[in-house]
Each structure stands twice: as C-alpha cells, then as structure tokens.
Amino acid sequence: NLAKVDDDDISFVDKLEKKLDVISVCHEEARKLRDVRRSEEAQLRAEAEAVAKQEADEKERKRLLEDVTKEAEAKPGMIWNPNLREYQYLHDHTEESWRD
C-alpha cells in the first residue's frame, strides 16, 4: 500500500515537473515582452516629458524676450545710458526742486 502511495507521488511530481518546464518557457517569453514594453513606455514617457519641457522653456523664453523688448523701448523723455545699457529718464532742471 505504501509503495502505491509512493508511485502516485512520483507520478504526480513527474507530471508537475513537465508542466513547470512548459510554463517556464512561456514565463520567460512573457517576462521578456513585459520588459520590452516597459522600456518602450519609459522611453515614450521621457520623450513626452522632454517635449513638454522644451515647449515650456520656449514659452518662458518668448515671454522674457517680450518683457525685455517692452522695457527696452524708449518712452518720451528718456535717453540711452551707455554705461547701464538702458533707457533712463533725463533729469529736468526746470522742475521744482526740494533745494529751492
């Protein structure tokens, strides 16, 4: 009777081993495909983030450029100061002074 139980256990283990061999092949392929998919998704995500960052940087650069050009325009009563490299209001001596 014990020999029958041992034979049943051995046959069960043999069947299980065959099934595991078949599954291991599928599992290896599935793991490789999963890794490839993950790397592709990571690459796409990195490219999308790079494009978004580039667009944000370009938008910020344009905004700063517009601000600088608006500041650089001479308004009435301003002259160019070559030392500071910007327009400044010319001091008007005819205006009232606190020294008067």
N, C-alpha and C. Protein backbone atom coordinates (compact mmCIF):
# COMPACT_ATOMS: atom_id res chain seq x y z
N ASN A 1 0.83 -1.20 0.00
CA ASN A 1 0.00 0.00 0.00
C ASN A 1 0.87 1.26 0.00
N LEU A 2 1.95 1.25 0.79
CA LEU A 2 2.84 2.40 0.82
C LEU A 2 3.57 2.56 -0.51
N ALA A 3 3.87 1.45 -1.14
CA ALA A 3 4.52 1.51 -2.44
C ALA A 3 3.60 2.17 -3.46
N LYS A 4 2.31 1.89 -3.37
CA LYS A 4 1.31 2.50 -4.28
C LYS A 4 1.27 4.01 -4.06
N VAL A 5 1.31 4.46 -2.80
CA VAL A 5 1.30 5.89 -2.48
C VAL A 5 2.58 6.54 -3.01
N ASP A 6 3.72 5.87 -2.84
CA ASP A 6 4.97 6.41 -3.35
C ASP A 6 4.94 6.52 -4.87
N ASP A 7 4.41 5.53 -5.54
CA ASP A 7 4.31 5.56 -7.00
C ASP A 7 3.40 6.70 -7.46
N ASP A 8 2.30 6.92 -6.74
CA ASP A 8 1.38 8.02 -7.07
C ASP A 8 2.09 9.37 -6.87
N ASP A 9 2.84 9.48 -5.79
CA ASP A 9 3.57 10.74 -5.53
C ASP A 9 4.62 10.98 -6.61
N ILE A 10 5.33 9.94 -7.00
CA ILE A 10 6.36 10.07 -8.04
C ILE A 10 5.73 10.48 -9.37
N SER A 11 4.61 9.85 -9.73
CA SER A 11 3.95 10.22 -10.99
C SER A 11 3.41 11.65 -10.92
N PHE A 12 2.90 12.06 -9.76
CA PHE A 12 2.41 13.43 -9.59
C PHE A 12 3.56 14.43 -9.77
N VAL A 13 4.69 14.14 -9.16
CA VAL A 13 5.86 15.03 -9.25
C VAL A 13 6.37 15.09 -10.69
N ASP A 14 6.39 13.95 -11.38
CA ASP A 14 6.83 13.94 -12.78
C ASP A 14 5.92 14.80 -13.65
N LYS A 15 4.61 14.68 -13.46
CA LYS A 15 3.66 15.50 -14.24
C LYS A 15 3.84 16.97 -13.91
N LEU A 16 4.01 17.25 -12.64
CA LEU A 16 4.20 18.64 -12.21
C LEU A 16 5.48 19.22 -12.81
N GLU A 17 6.54 18.44 -12.84
CA GLU A 17 7.80 18.89 -13.42
C GLU A 17 7.66 19.20 -14.91
N LYS A 18 6.93 18.37 -15.64
CA LYS A 18 6.69 18.61 -17.06
C LYS A 18 5.90 19.90 -17.26
N LYS A 19 4.87 20.09 -16.43
CA LYS A 19 4.06 21.32 -16.54
C LYS A 19 4.91 22.55 -16.24
N LEU A 20 5.77 22.44 -15.24
CA LEU A 20 6.64 23.57 -14.90
C LEU A 20 7.63 23.88 -16.02
N ASP A 21 8.11 22.87 -16.69
CA ASP A 21 9.01 23.10 -17.82
C ASP A 21 8.29 23.85 -18.94
N VAL A 22 7.05 23.45 -19.22
CA VAL A 22 6.27 24.12 -20.26
C VAL A 22 5.98 25.57 -19.84
N ILE A 23 5.60 25.75 -18.58
CA ILE A 23 5.27 27.09 -18.09
C ILE A 23 6.51 27.98 -18.07
N SER A 24 7.66 27.42 -17.74
CA SER A 24 8.88 28.24 -17.65
C SER A 24 9.23 28.85 -19.00
N VAL A 25 8.99 28.13 -20.08
CA VAL A 25 9.25 28.67 -21.42
C VAL A 25 8.32 29.87 -21.67
N CYS A 26 7.04 29.69 -21.39
CA CYS A 26 6.07 30.78 -21.59
C CYS A 26 6.38 31.95 -20.66
N HIS A 27 6.76 31.63 -19.45
CA HIS A 27 7.04 32.68 -18.46
C HIS A 27 8.23 33.52 -18.90
N GLU A 28 9.26 32.87 -19.41
CA GLU A 28 10.45 33.60 -19.88
C GLU A 28 10.09 34.55 -21.03
N GLU A 29 9.29 34.06 -21.98
CA GLU A 29 8.88 34.91 -23.10
C GLU A 29 8.03 36.07 -22.61
N ALA A 30 7.11 35.79 -21.69
CA ALA A 30 6.25 36.84 -21.16
C ALA A 30 7.07 37.89 -20.41
N ARG A 31 8.08 37.45 -19.67
CA ARG A 31 8.92 38.40 -18.95
C ARG A 31 9.70 39.28 -19.91
N LYS A 32 10.24 38.68 -20.97
CA LYS A 32 10.97 39.47 -21.97
C LYS A 32 10.06 40.50 -22.63
N LEU A 33 8.85 40.07 -23.02
CA LEU A 33 7.91 41.00 -23.64
C LEU A 33 7.52 42.12 -22.68
N ARG A 34 7.31 41.78 -21.42
CA ARG A 34 6.97 42.79 -20.42
C ARG A 34 8.09 43.80 -20.27
N ASP A 35 9.33 43.32 -20.22
CA ASP A 35 10.47 44.22 -20.08
C ASP A 35 10.61 45.14 -21.29
N VAL A 36 10.39 44.59 -22.47
CA VAL A 36 10.45 45.41 -23.69
C VAL A 36 9.35 46.47 -23.66
N ARG A 37 8.15 46.08 -23.29
CA ARG A 37 7.02 47.02 -23.22
C ARG A 37 7.30 48.12 -22.21
N ARG A 38 7.83 47.75 -21.04
CA ARG A 38 8.14 48.75 -20.01
C ARG A 38 9.21 49.73 -20.49
N SER A 39 10.23 49.23 -21.16
CA SER A 39 11.28 50.13 -21.63
C SER A 39 10.75 51.07 -22.72
N GLU A 40 9.88 50.55 -23.60
CA GLU A 40 9.28 51.41 -24.63
C GLU A 40 8.40 52.48 -23.99
N GLU A 41 7.61 52.08 -22.99
CA GLU A 41 6.75 53.06 -22.31
C GLU A 41 7.59 54.12 -21.60
N ALA A 42 8.68 53.69 -20.97
CA ALA A 42 9.55 54.65 -20.29
C ALA A 42 10.19 55.61 -21.29
N GLN A 43 10.58 55.09 -22.44
CA GLN A 43 11.18 55.94 -23.47
C GLN A 43 10.15 56.95 -24.00
N LEU A 44 8.93 56.48 -24.26
CA LEU A 44 7.89 57.39 -24.74
C LEU A 44 7.57 58.46 -23.70
N ARG A 45 7.51 58.04 -22.44
CA ARG A 45 7.23 59.00 -21.37
C ARG A 45 8.35 60.03 -21.27
N ALA A 46 9.60 59.58 -21.38
CA ALA A 46 10.74 60.51 -21.31
C ALA A 46 10.73 61.47 -22.49
N GLU A 47 10.39 60.97 -23.68
CA GLU A 47 10.31 61.85 -24.85
C GLU A 47 9.20 62.88 -24.69
N ALA A 48 8.06 62.45 -24.17
CA ALA A 48 6.94 63.37 -23.97
C ALA A 48 7.30 64.43 -22.93
N GLU A 49 7.97 64.03 -21.87
CA GLU A 49 8.40 65.00 -20.86
C GLU A 49 9.42 65.97 -21.43
N ALA A 50 10.32 65.48 -22.27
CA ALA A 50 11.32 66.36 -22.88
C ALA A 50 10.66 67.38 -23.80
N VAL A 51 9.68 66.93 -24.58
CA VAL A 51 8.96 67.84 -25.48
C VAL A 51 8.20 68.88 -24.66
N ALA A 52 7.53 68.45 -23.59
CA ALA A 52 6.78 69.38 -22.76
C ALA A 52 7.71 70.39 -22.10
N LYS A 53 8.87 69.93 -21.64
CA LYS A 53 9.82 70.85 -21.01
C LYS A 53 10.37 71.83 -22.03
N GLN A 54 10.65 71.34 -23.25
CA GLN A 54 11.15 72.22 -24.29
C GLN A 54 10.11 73.29 -24.66
N GLU A 55 8.85 72.88 -24.76
CA GLU A 55 7.79 73.85 -25.07
C GLU A 55 7.65 74.87 -23.95
N ALA A 56 7.71 74.41 -22.70
CA ALA A 56 7.60 75.34 -21.57
C ALA A 56 8.79 76.30 -21.55
N ASP A 57 9.99 75.79 -21.81
CA ASP A 57 11.17 76.66 -21.85
C ASP A 57 11.06 77.68 -22.98
N GLU A 58 10.58 77.23 -24.14
CA GLU A 58 10.42 78.15 -25.28
C GLU A 58 9.38 79.23 -24.97
N LYS A 59 8.30 78.83 -24.34
CA LYS A 59 7.26 79.80 -23.98
C LYS A 59 7.80 80.82 -22.97
N GLU A 60 8.56 80.34 -21.99
CA GLU A 60 9.15 81.24 -21.00
C GLU A 60 10.17 82.17 -21.66
N ARG A 61 10.96 81.63 -22.59
CA ARG A 61 11.95 82.46 -23.28
C ARG A 61 11.27 83.56 -24.09
N LYS A 62 10.18 83.22 -24.78
CA LYS A 62 9.45 84.22 -25.55
C LYS A 62 8.84 85.29 -24.64
N ARG A 63 8.30 84.86 -23.50
CA ARG A 63 7.71 85.82 -22.56
C ARG A 63 8.78 86.78 -22.04
N LEU A 64 9.94 86.23 -21.67
CA LEU A 64 11.03 87.08 -21.18
C LEU A 64 11.52 88.03 -22.27
N LEU A 65 11.60 87.53 -23.50
CA LEU A 65 12.03 88.36 -24.61
C LEU A 65 11.04 89.51 -24.84
N GLU A 66 9.75 89.22 -24.77
CA GLU A 66 8.75 90.27 -24.92
C GLU A 66 8.86 91.30 -23.80
N ASP A 67 9.07 90.82 -22.57
CA ASP A 67 9.23 91.75 -21.44
C ASP A 67 10.45 92.64 -21.63
N VAL A 68 11.53 92.06 -22.09
CA VAL A 68 12.76 92.83 -22.27
C VAL A 68 12.59 93.85 -23.39
N THR A 69 11.95 93.46 -24.48
CA THR A 69 11.77 94.42 -25.58
C THR A 69 10.83 95.54 -25.17
N LYS A 70 9.83 95.23 -24.34
CA LYS A 70 8.94 96.30 -23.87
C LYS A 70 9.71 97.26 -22.96
N GLU A 71 10.58 96.71 -22.10
CA GLU A 71 11.36 97.57 -21.22
C GLU A 71 12.40 98.37 -21.99
N ALA A 72 12.90 97.82 -23.07
CA ALA A 72 13.97 98.46 -23.81
C ALA A 72 13.49 99.62 -24.68
N GLU A 73 12.19 99.70 -24.92
CA GLU A 73 11.68 100.77 -25.77
C GLU A 73 11.78 102.10 -25.03
N ALA A 74 12.24 103.11 -25.74
CA ALA A 74 12.38 104.43 -25.15
C ALA A 74 11.02 105.10 -25.07
N LYS A 75 10.71 105.60 -23.88
CA LYS A 75 9.47 106.36 -23.70
C LYS A 75 9.80 107.83 -23.84
N PRO A 76 8.80 108.67 -24.04
CA PRO A 76 9.09 110.12 -24.18
C PRO A 76 9.84 110.64 -22.96
N GLY A 77 10.87 111.41 -23.20
CA GLY A 77 11.66 112.00 -22.13
C GLY A 77 12.80 111.10 -21.64
N MET A 78 13.06 110.01 -22.34
CA MET A 78 14.13 109.11 -21.93
C MET A 78 15.30 109.20 -22.89
N ILE A 79 16.49 108.96 -22.35
CA ILE A 79 17.70 108.91 -23.18
C ILE A 79 18.44 107.60 -22.89
N TRP A 80 19.31 107.24 -23.83
CA TRP A 80 20.09 106.00 -23.69
C TRP A 80 21.29 106.25 -22.78
N ASN A 81 21.46 105.41 -21.77
CA ASN A 81 22.61 105.46 -20.89
C ASN A 81 23.55 104.33 -21.32
N PRO A 82 24.68 104.65 -21.96
CA PRO A 82 25.56 103.59 -22.46
C PRO A 82 26.25 102.79 -21.35
N ASN A 83 26.42 103.41 -20.17
CA ASN A 83 27.07 102.68 -19.08
C ASN A 83 26.15 101.58 -18.52
N LEU A 84 24.89 101.92 -18.34
CA LEU A 84 23.94 100.94 -17.82
C LEU A 84 23.27 100.14 -18.92
N ARG A 85 23.45 100.61 -20.16
CA ARG A 85 22.86 99.97 -21.34
C ARG A 85 21.34 99.85 -21.21
N GLU A 86 20.73 100.97 -20.86
CA GLU A 86 19.28 101.03 -20.78
C GLU A 86 18.82 102.48 -20.94
N TYR A 87 17.54 102.65 -21.21
CA TYR A 87 16.97 103.99 -21.30
C TYR A 87 16.66 104.48 -19.91
N GLN A 88 16.95 105.80 -19.70
CA GLN A 88 16.65 106.42 -18.41
C GLN A 88 16.01 107.77 -18.66
N TYR A 89 15.21 108.17 -17.70
CA TYR A 89 14.60 109.50 -17.81
C TYR A 89 15.68 110.55 -17.58
N LEU A 90 15.63 111.57 -18.43
CA LEU A 90 16.58 112.67 -18.32
C LEU A 90 16.12 113.59 -17.20
N HIS A 91 17.03 113.92 -16.30
CA HIS A 91 16.67 114.80 -15.20
C HIS A 91 16.39 116.21 -15.74
N ASP A 92 15.22 116.73 -15.40
CA ASP A 92 14.80 118.04 -15.89
C ASP A 92 15.08 119.08 -14.81
N HIS A 93 16.02 120.00 -15.12
CA HIS A 93 16.39 121.02 -14.14
C HIS A 93 15.32 122.09 -13.99
N THR A 94 14.37 122.14 -14.89
CA THR A 94 13.33 123.16 -14.80
C THR A 94 12.24 122.77 -13.80
N GLU A 95 12.18 121.51 -13.44
CA GLU A 95 11.16 121.09 -12.48
C GLU A 95 11.50 121.62 -11.09
N GLU A 96 10.50 121.68 -10.25
CA GLU A 96 10.71 122.18 -8.90
C GLU A 96 11.69 121.27 -8.18
N SER A 97 12.50 121.85 -7.37
CA SER A 97 13.49 121.07 -6.64
C SER A 97 13.27 121.29 -5.16
N TRP A 98 13.64 120.34 -4.38
CA TRP A 98 13.48 120.48 -2.93
C TRP A 98 14.48 121.46 -2.36
N ARG A 99 15.50 121.83 -3.18
CA ARG A 99 16.51 122.78 -2.72
C ARG A 99 16.02 124.23 -2.82
N ASP A 100 14.99 124.45 -3.62
CA ASP A 100 14.53 125.83 -3.81
C ASP A 100 13.91 126.39 -2.57
